[in-house]
Each structure stands twice: as C-alpha cells, then as structure tokens.
Amino acid sequence: MAVKPSGSAARVGRLLSFLGGHGESGYSLSELARAVGMDKSTCQAMLLALVEQGFVLRDDGHRTYALGPSALAVAAADGDRARLARLARAELESLTADLDLETSATTTFAGALLVLARVPRSALFGLSMRVGQTLPLRPPVGAVHLAWAPPAAVDAWLARAGEPVGRHRRVLDAVRERGYSVTADNALRWRLRDVVDQVAEAPTDPDPRRERDELLRTLAERDYEILDPDEAKSWPVGEICAPVFGRDGRVAVAVGLVAAQTLDTARRAAMVDRLLVATTRLTALTGGRPPD
C-alpha cells in the first residue's frame, strides 16, 4: 500500500508557512484557523504543541501567536541563503535611500521565484510581494534569473509557457546582452500582486491560485518585458532588475527597483547605473563571479 502524506503534518506546514510569510505580526486563533482552513479546536491543539517546541510564540496578553525561535533557527540553518538575504537587505536599504524607490531581492527555489528581502518606499504602501512570498517560475516571471542559466533550465522554463516561445527566447537574449531586465507596468501586474497576497492569506483556497495562474498566462502573451530600453521613455516601467552572480557563475539573486512610472532616458540610465553598482558589489561580497 502506498504511503500517503500526513494530513496533520500538512496542516502544521500551512500554519508555519502562514506565520513565516507575515513577518513578526501576531494572529489570533480565529484568524489563523480561518487563514489555513481548519477548525479552531484542531488549530489550537497544533499551536499548543508548536508553542511547547518553540516553533510558535504565544502572547498571553493579546492572545496572539507568532513565529518562534525554533522556526527561526531552522530558517537560519540555510547559511548561504540567510547570509545573502542579509547582505541584499543592506544594499536594498541603500538603493531605496538613494533613489526613493521600493526595492526587492528575489531568488529561485523549488521551481518558484522567492522574495528574499524587500524595502518599501513607505511603511504604508508597497508594490512588490512580501518577503517569503513565491510565484511559479514560468514565463514571463524570472527572465533575469534564466538569462544566464544552462540550456536545460531555460528549456524547462520555456516549456511552462504553454505557447510559442520565440518571444521569451528573445527576452532572455536581450536581458543577457544589456545585463538587466525592464518590465512594463500595467493593471494586470498590479492585480497579480493582490492575488499573490490572497494566496498567502488563504493557502487552501483554490480560487486565488487559479486566478494567479491565469494572470501569468495572460501576461506571458503581452509585452511584459520591454525589449528595447529606449522604449522605457514611452512605457510605464514596472521594475528594473539586475543579477547577482554566485560562485558558480549563475544568478544567485536578482535585485529589483520598483519604478511604476514612465522614465525619461536620463532618469532610467541613472537608475540602472546605481543598480549595477549594487549588484556588482553584492557579487563581490558573496564571493561570486560573472559567467565566462
């Protein structure tokens, strides 16, 4: 008889994933039970066990729960990624201060694009995904991560497009040639950000995931990547991203400037120059090297 995944373990995983994706905020029992799709008594029993093991902290005064030290220790065990996230965060803070733009850092993990760090322009409003959130790694998402990837990885990425892939190959060529990507800003991109939030808030609800995947399919058919940077002066630019290379010469992380505005040539050039200074410094700090 085939062994089936443990339902209890899956529910614990949903609890920890939800808490891990929402920073240091505390949540009530009712909020957590609703977010992960389980009844309150089951959720409470699991939370009490996690509190005993230090994976969850309970605030008795407010009757809320947050991620605990044991969970943070497990996360920190991934030393290279944790160190990269800390270094990236420092660069993002500097970029945001210099350019007055929201910034983010992403990496690839288990077939997904993962947000490692983020510095909003304002504490009250942000345009990019939150730390810990993911998107499926499929066109048009992740071009800057794939532009220097081995052919097998590129082919796997393109295969997820489910459509003629000629444009996506041209996107990778353009990103590799100029050293950074420029994506267009539009209403669909803003909606995608909102839906990713919904997926994180309700991980058991299939509707947000379904809408997320449909939005990705639609964006893959549009001019999501601006192939000619000079067009940026007439297009609303969503984000400009550049790679940080690892020790193996592959993209370890991508640093993004969230523009969300139409840029003239001088403004775009200044932003790109400052971004490339940051990614070059990060590559050196982490012992990486550009590909041969």
Protein backbone atom coordinates (compact mmCIF):
# COMPACT_ATOMS: atom_id res chain seq x y z
CA MET A 1 0.00 0.00 0.00
CA ALA A 2 1.36 3.39 -0.97
CA VAL A 3 2.17 5.69 1.92
CA LYS A 4 0.12 8.90 1.87
CA PRO A 5 1.31 12.28 3.14
CA SER A 6 0.31 13.04 6.73
CA GLY A 7 -2.66 15.38 6.89
CA SER A 8 -1.59 16.63 10.32
CA ALA A 9 1.91 17.43 9.08
CA ALA A 10 0.43 19.28 6.11
CA ARG A 11 -1.70 21.41 8.44
CA VAL A 12 1.31 22.19 10.64
CA GLY A 13 3.20 23.19 7.50
CA ARG A 14 0.41 25.56 6.48
CA LEU A 15 0.45 27.16 9.92
CA LEU A 16 4.21 27.73 9.89
CA SER A 17 4.19 28.92 6.27
CA PHE A 18 1.48 31.46 7.04
CA LEU A 19 3.27 32.78 10.11
CA GLY A 20 6.61 32.84 8.29
CA GLY A 21 5.17 34.84 5.41
CA HIS A 22 3.74 37.58 7.62
CA GLY A 23 6.77 38.92 9.43
CA GLU A 24 6.51 39.46 13.18
CA SER A 25 2.77 40.12 13.26
CA GLY A 26 0.75 38.18 15.81
CA TYR A 27 -2.50 36.47 14.84
CA SER A 28 -5.42 35.27 16.94
CA LEU A 29 -6.58 31.67 16.95
CA SER A 30 -9.63 32.57 14.87
CA GLU A 31 -7.53 34.42 12.27
CA LEU A 32 -5.08 31.52 11.94
CA ALA A 33 -7.78 28.86 11.74
CA ARG A 34 -9.55 30.81 9.00
CA ALA A 35 -6.32 31.51 7.08
CA VAL A 36 -5.17 27.89 6.92
CA GLY A 37 -8.60 26.31 6.57
CA MET A 38 -9.04 24.24 9.74
CA ASP A 39 -11.42 24.27 12.69
CA LYS A 40 -10.44 26.22 15.79
CA SER A 41 -10.02 23.24 18.11
CA THR A 42 -7.64 21.44 15.74
CA CYS A 43 -5.73 24.65 15.10
CA GLN A 44 -5.42 25.38 18.81
CA ALA A 45 -4.13 21.87 19.58
CA MET A 46 -1.45 22.21 16.90
CA LEU A 47 -0.48 25.68 18.06
CA LEU A 48 -0.07 24.49 21.66
CA ALA A 49 2.26 21.70 20.51
CA LEU A 50 4.26 24.16 18.41
CA VAL A 51 4.47 26.56 21.38
CA GLU A 52 5.89 23.76 23.53
CA GLN A 53 8.61 23.11 20.95
CA GLY A 54 9.42 26.80 20.46
CA PHE A 55 8.26 26.93 16.84
CA VAL A 56 5.48 29.37 17.76
CA LEU A 57 5.34 32.10 20.40
CA ARG A 58 2.10 32.88 22.26
CA ASP A 59 1.42 36.38 23.55
CA ASP A 60 -0.80 35.67 26.55
CA GLY A 61 -1.74 39.33 26.95
CA HIS A 62 -3.06 39.74 23.42
CA ARG A 63 -3.84 36.04 22.86
CA THR A 64 -1.96 36.01 19.59
CA TYR A 65 0.59 33.70 18.00
CA ALA A 66 3.76 34.47 16.01
CA LEU A 67 6.73 32.56 14.64
CA GLY A 68 9.04 31.33 17.42
CA PRO A 69 12.81 30.93 17.87
CA SER A 70 12.95 27.26 16.86
CA ALA A 71 11.43 28.09 13.47
CA LEU A 72 13.84 30.98 13.03
CA ALA A 73 16.77 28.68 13.88
CA VAL A 74 15.68 26.23 11.19
CA ALA A 75 15.48 29.07 8.68
CA ALA A 76 18.92 30.32 9.70
CA ALA A 77 20.40 26.86 9.12
CA ASP A 78 20.45 27.64 5.40
CA GLY A 79 23.58 29.69 5.95
CA ASP A 80 24.35 30.81 2.40
CA ARG A 81 20.83 31.95 1.63
CA ALA A 82 20.45 33.64 5.03
CA ARG A 83 23.74 35.50 4.57
CA LEU A 84 22.76 36.50 1.06
CA ALA A 85 19.44 37.82 2.34
CA ARG A 86 21.20 39.94 4.99
CA LEU A 87 23.67 41.38 2.50
CA ALA A 88 20.94 42.02 -0.05
CA ARG A 89 18.83 43.80 2.54
CA ALA A 90 21.68 46.23 3.27
CA GLU A 91 22.02 47.03 -0.45
CA LEU A 92 18.27 47.46 -0.82
CA GLU A 93 18.17 49.96 2.02
CA SER A 94 20.94 51.96 0.37
CA LEU A 95 19.22 51.84 -3.03
CA THR A 96 15.88 52.93 -1.60
CA ALA A 97 17.51 55.83 0.24
CA ASP A 98 19.41 56.98 -2.85
CA LEU A 99 16.66 56.57 -5.46
CA ASP A 100 13.48 56.96 -3.38
CA LEU A 101 12.14 53.71 -4.85
CA GLU A 102 10.86 50.47 -3.41
CA THR A 103 13.41 47.68 -3.84
CA SER A 104 13.36 43.89 -3.61
CA ALA A 105 15.62 40.86 -3.91
CA THR A 106 14.47 37.51 -5.31
CA THR A 107 15.98 34.08 -5.76
CA THR A 108 14.77 30.81 -7.28
CA PHE A 109 13.78 27.91 -5.05
CA ALA A 110 11.98 24.65 -5.83
CA GLY A 111 10.59 25.84 -9.16
CA ALA A 112 9.44 29.18 -7.80
CA LEU A 113 10.55 32.77 -7.56
CA LEU A 114 11.06 33.55 -3.86
CA VAL A 115 11.23 37.04 -2.30
CA LEU A 116 14.33 37.17 -0.07
CA ALA A 117 14.22 40.80 1.00
CA ARG A 118 12.21 43.95 0.41
CA VAL A 119 12.50 47.60 1.39
CA PRO A 120 9.32 49.62 0.75
CA ARG A 121 9.41 53.27 -0.16
CA SER A 122 6.80 53.83 2.52
CA ALA A 123 5.79 51.73 5.50
CA LEU A 124 2.17 52.26 4.50
CA PHE A 125 2.22 51.10 0.88
CA GLY A 126 4.17 48.72 -1.33
CA LEU A 127 4.01 47.44 -4.89
CA SER A 128 6.11 44.28 -4.67
CA MET A 129 5.48 40.94 -2.99
CA ARG A 130 6.31 40.44 0.67
CA VAL A 131 9.31 38.51 1.97
CA GLY A 132 8.66 34.78 1.79
CA GLN A 133 6.03 35.00 -0.94
CA THR A 134 6.52 32.99 -4.12
CA LEU A 135 5.46 32.92 -7.75
CA PRO A 136 5.68 29.92 -10.09
CA LEU A 137 8.86 30.22 -12.14
CA ARG A 138 7.34 30.37 -15.61
CA PRO A 139 7.28 32.95 -18.40
CA PRO A 140 7.14 35.87 -18.12
CA VAL A 141 8.36 35.63 -14.50
CA GLY A 142 12.07 35.30 -13.77
CA ALA A 143 13.74 36.31 -17.03
CA VAL A 144 16.73 37.85 -15.25
CA HIS A 145 17.23 34.58 -13.35
CA LEU A 146 17.12 32.49 -16.54
CA ALA A 147 19.10 34.71 -18.92
CA TRP A 148 22.42 33.14 -17.82
CA ALA A 149 21.05 29.69 -16.92
CA PRO A 150 22.12 26.39 -18.54
CA PRO A 151 20.12 25.32 -21.63
CA ALA A 152 18.24 22.61 -19.72
CA ALA A 153 16.96 25.12 -17.17
CA VAL A 154 15.96 27.56 -19.92
CA ASP A 155 14.11 24.81 -21.81
CA ALA A 156 12.24 23.80 -18.64
CA TRP A 157 11.25 27.44 -18.03
CA LEU A 158 10.08 27.90 -21.61
CA ALA A 159 8.10 24.66 -21.52
CA ARG A 160 5.94 26.10 -18.74
CA ALA A 161 4.77 28.89 -21.05
CA GLY A 162 2.45 26.53 -22.89
CA GLU A 163 2.63 28.63 -26.07
CA PRO A 164 5.09 29.57 -28.83
CA VAL A 165 8.26 30.55 -27.02
CA GLY A 166 10.10 32.68 -29.60
CA ARG A 167 9.41 35.96 -27.81
CA HIS A 168 10.56 34.58 -24.47
CA ARG A 169 13.84 33.45 -26.01
CA ARG A 170 14.31 36.95 -27.41
CA VAL A 171 13.65 38.35 -23.94
CA LEU A 172 16.41 36.20 -22.45
CA ASP A 173 18.81 37.26 -25.21
CA ALA A 174 18.01 40.94 -24.63
CA VAL A 175 18.41 40.69 -20.85
CA ARG A 176 21.73 38.87 -21.18
CA GLU A 177 23.05 41.37 -23.75
CA ARG A 178 22.31 44.51 -21.72
CA GLY A 179 22.80 42.96 -18.25
CA TYR A 180 19.41 43.78 -16.74
CA SER A 181 15.68 43.44 -17.36
CA VAL A 182 12.98 46.10 -17.75
CA THR A 183 9.36 45.09 -17.29
CA ALA A 184 6.29 47.09 -18.24
CA ASP A 185 3.82 48.30 -15.64
CA ASN A 186 0.11 47.67 -16.19
CA ALA A 187 -3.10 46.86 -14.38
CA LEU A 188 -2.57 43.10 -14.73
CA ARG A 189 0.73 43.32 -12.86
CA TRP A 190 -0.95 45.21 -10.02
CA ARG A 191 -3.73 42.63 -9.90
CA LEU A 192 -1.17 39.82 -9.78
CA ARG A 193 0.39 41.40 -6.69
CA ASP A 194 -3.00 41.49 -4.99
CA VAL A 195 -3.76 37.87 -5.90
CA VAL A 196 -0.38 36.70 -4.56
CA ASP A 197 -1.39 38.30 -1.26
CA GLN A 198 -4.66 36.38 -1.39
CA VAL A 199 -2.81 33.10 -1.98
CA ALA A 200 -0.66 33.78 1.10
CA GLU A 201 -3.68 34.73 3.21
CA ALA A 202 -5.75 31.69 2.19
CA PRO A 203 -3.37 28.90 1.13
CA THR A 204 -6.13 26.26 0.96
CA ASP A 205 -8.43 28.30 -1.30
CA PRO A 206 -8.01 27.20 -4.93
CA ASP A 207 -9.61 30.31 -6.43
CA PRO A 208 -6.71 32.77 -5.85
CA ARG A 209 -4.23 30.22 -7.20
CA ARG A 210 -6.40 29.70 -10.25
CA GLU A 211 -6.58 33.45 -10.88
CA ARG A 212 -2.82 33.82 -10.29
CA ASP A 213 -2.05 31.18 -12.92
CA GLU A 214 -4.48 32.72 -15.40
CA LEU A 215 -2.89 36.14 -14.91
CA LEU A 216 0.55 34.64 -15.56
CA ARG A 217 -0.72 33.05 -18.77
CA THR A 218 -2.18 36.37 -19.90
CA LEU A 219 0.97 38.32 -19.03
CA ALA A 220 3.06 35.79 -20.96
CA GLU A 221 1.10 36.75 -24.07
CA ARG A 222 1.64 40.50 -23.59
CA ASP A 223 4.67 42.80 -23.92
CA TYR A 224 5.67 42.22 -20.31
CA GLU A 225 9.39 42.70 -20.90
CA ILE A 226 10.50 45.88 -22.67
CA LEU A 227 12.95 44.54 -25.25
CA ASP A 228 14.43 47.91 -26.19
CA PRO A 229 15.37 50.02 -23.12
CA ASP A 230 14.93 53.21 -25.16
CA GLU A 231 11.22 52.36 -25.25
CA ALA A 232 11.13 52.91 -21.49
CA LYS A 233 10.62 56.63 -22.07
CA SER A 234 7.21 55.88 -23.58
CA TRP A 235 6.24 52.83 -21.49
CA PRO A 236 5.25 52.83 -17.82
CA VAL A 237 8.13 50.85 -16.31
CA GLY A 238 7.20 48.35 -13.64
CA GLU A 239 10.58 47.11 -12.46
CA ILE A 240 14.24 47.11 -13.42
CA CYS A 241 16.17 44.02 -12.24
CA ALA A 242 19.84 43.05 -12.39
CA PRO A 243 21.61 39.82 -11.42
CA VAL A 244 23.94 38.98 -8.56
CA PHE A 245 26.13 36.04 -9.54
CA GLY A 246 27.14 33.19 -7.28
CA ARG A 247 30.39 31.24 -7.03
CA ASP A 248 29.32 29.02 -9.93
CA GLY A 249 28.73 31.98 -12.26
CA ARG A 250 24.95 31.53 -12.16
CA VAL A 251 22.41 34.06 -10.95
CA ALA A 252 22.10 33.72 -7.17
CA VAL A 253 19.73 36.61 -6.60
CA ALA A 254 18.14 39.42 -8.60
CA VAL A 255 17.86 42.94 -7.22
CA GLY A 256 14.89 44.96 -8.43
CA LEU A 257 13.96 48.64 -8.49
CA VAL A 258 10.17 49.05 -8.41
CA ALA A 259 9.69 52.07 -10.66
CA ALA A 260 5.95 52.08 -11.50
CA GLN A 261 6.40 55.23 -13.62
CA THR A 262 7.30 56.41 -17.11
CA LEU A 263 11.01 57.21 -17.26
CA ASP A 264 12.96 59.58 -19.44
CA THR A 265 16.32 58.37 -20.76
CA ALA A 266 18.44 60.21 -18.20
CA ARG A 267 16.41 59.01 -15.22
CA ARG A 268 16.42 55.41 -16.42
CA ALA A 269 20.18 55.48 -17.07
CA ALA A 270 20.88 56.87 -13.60
CA MET A 271 18.74 54.17 -12.00
CA VAL A 272 20.41 51.41 -13.99
CA ASP A 273 23.91 52.70 -13.18
CA ARG A 274 23.13 52.80 -9.46
CA LEU A 275 21.54 49.34 -9.59
CA LEU A 276 24.56 47.81 -11.33
CA VAL A 277 26.89 49.30 -8.72
CA ALA A 278 24.84 47.49 -6.06
CA THR A 279 24.72 44.13 -7.86
CA THR A 280 28.43 44.24 -8.70
CA ARG A 281 29.21 44.92 -5.05
CA LEU A 282 26.91 42.09 -3.90
CA THR A 283 28.54 39.67 -6.33
CA ALA A 284 31.96 40.55 -4.87
CA LEU A 285 30.78 40.40 -1.24
CA THR A 286 29.34 36.93 -1.67
CA GLY A 287 32.39 35.55 -3.46
CA GLY A 288 30.54 35.29 -6.75
CA ARG A 289 31.78 35.78 -10.28
CA PRO A 290 30.16 36.80 -13.56
CA PRO A 291 29.83 33.95 -16.06
CA ASP A 292 32.66 33.40 -18.52
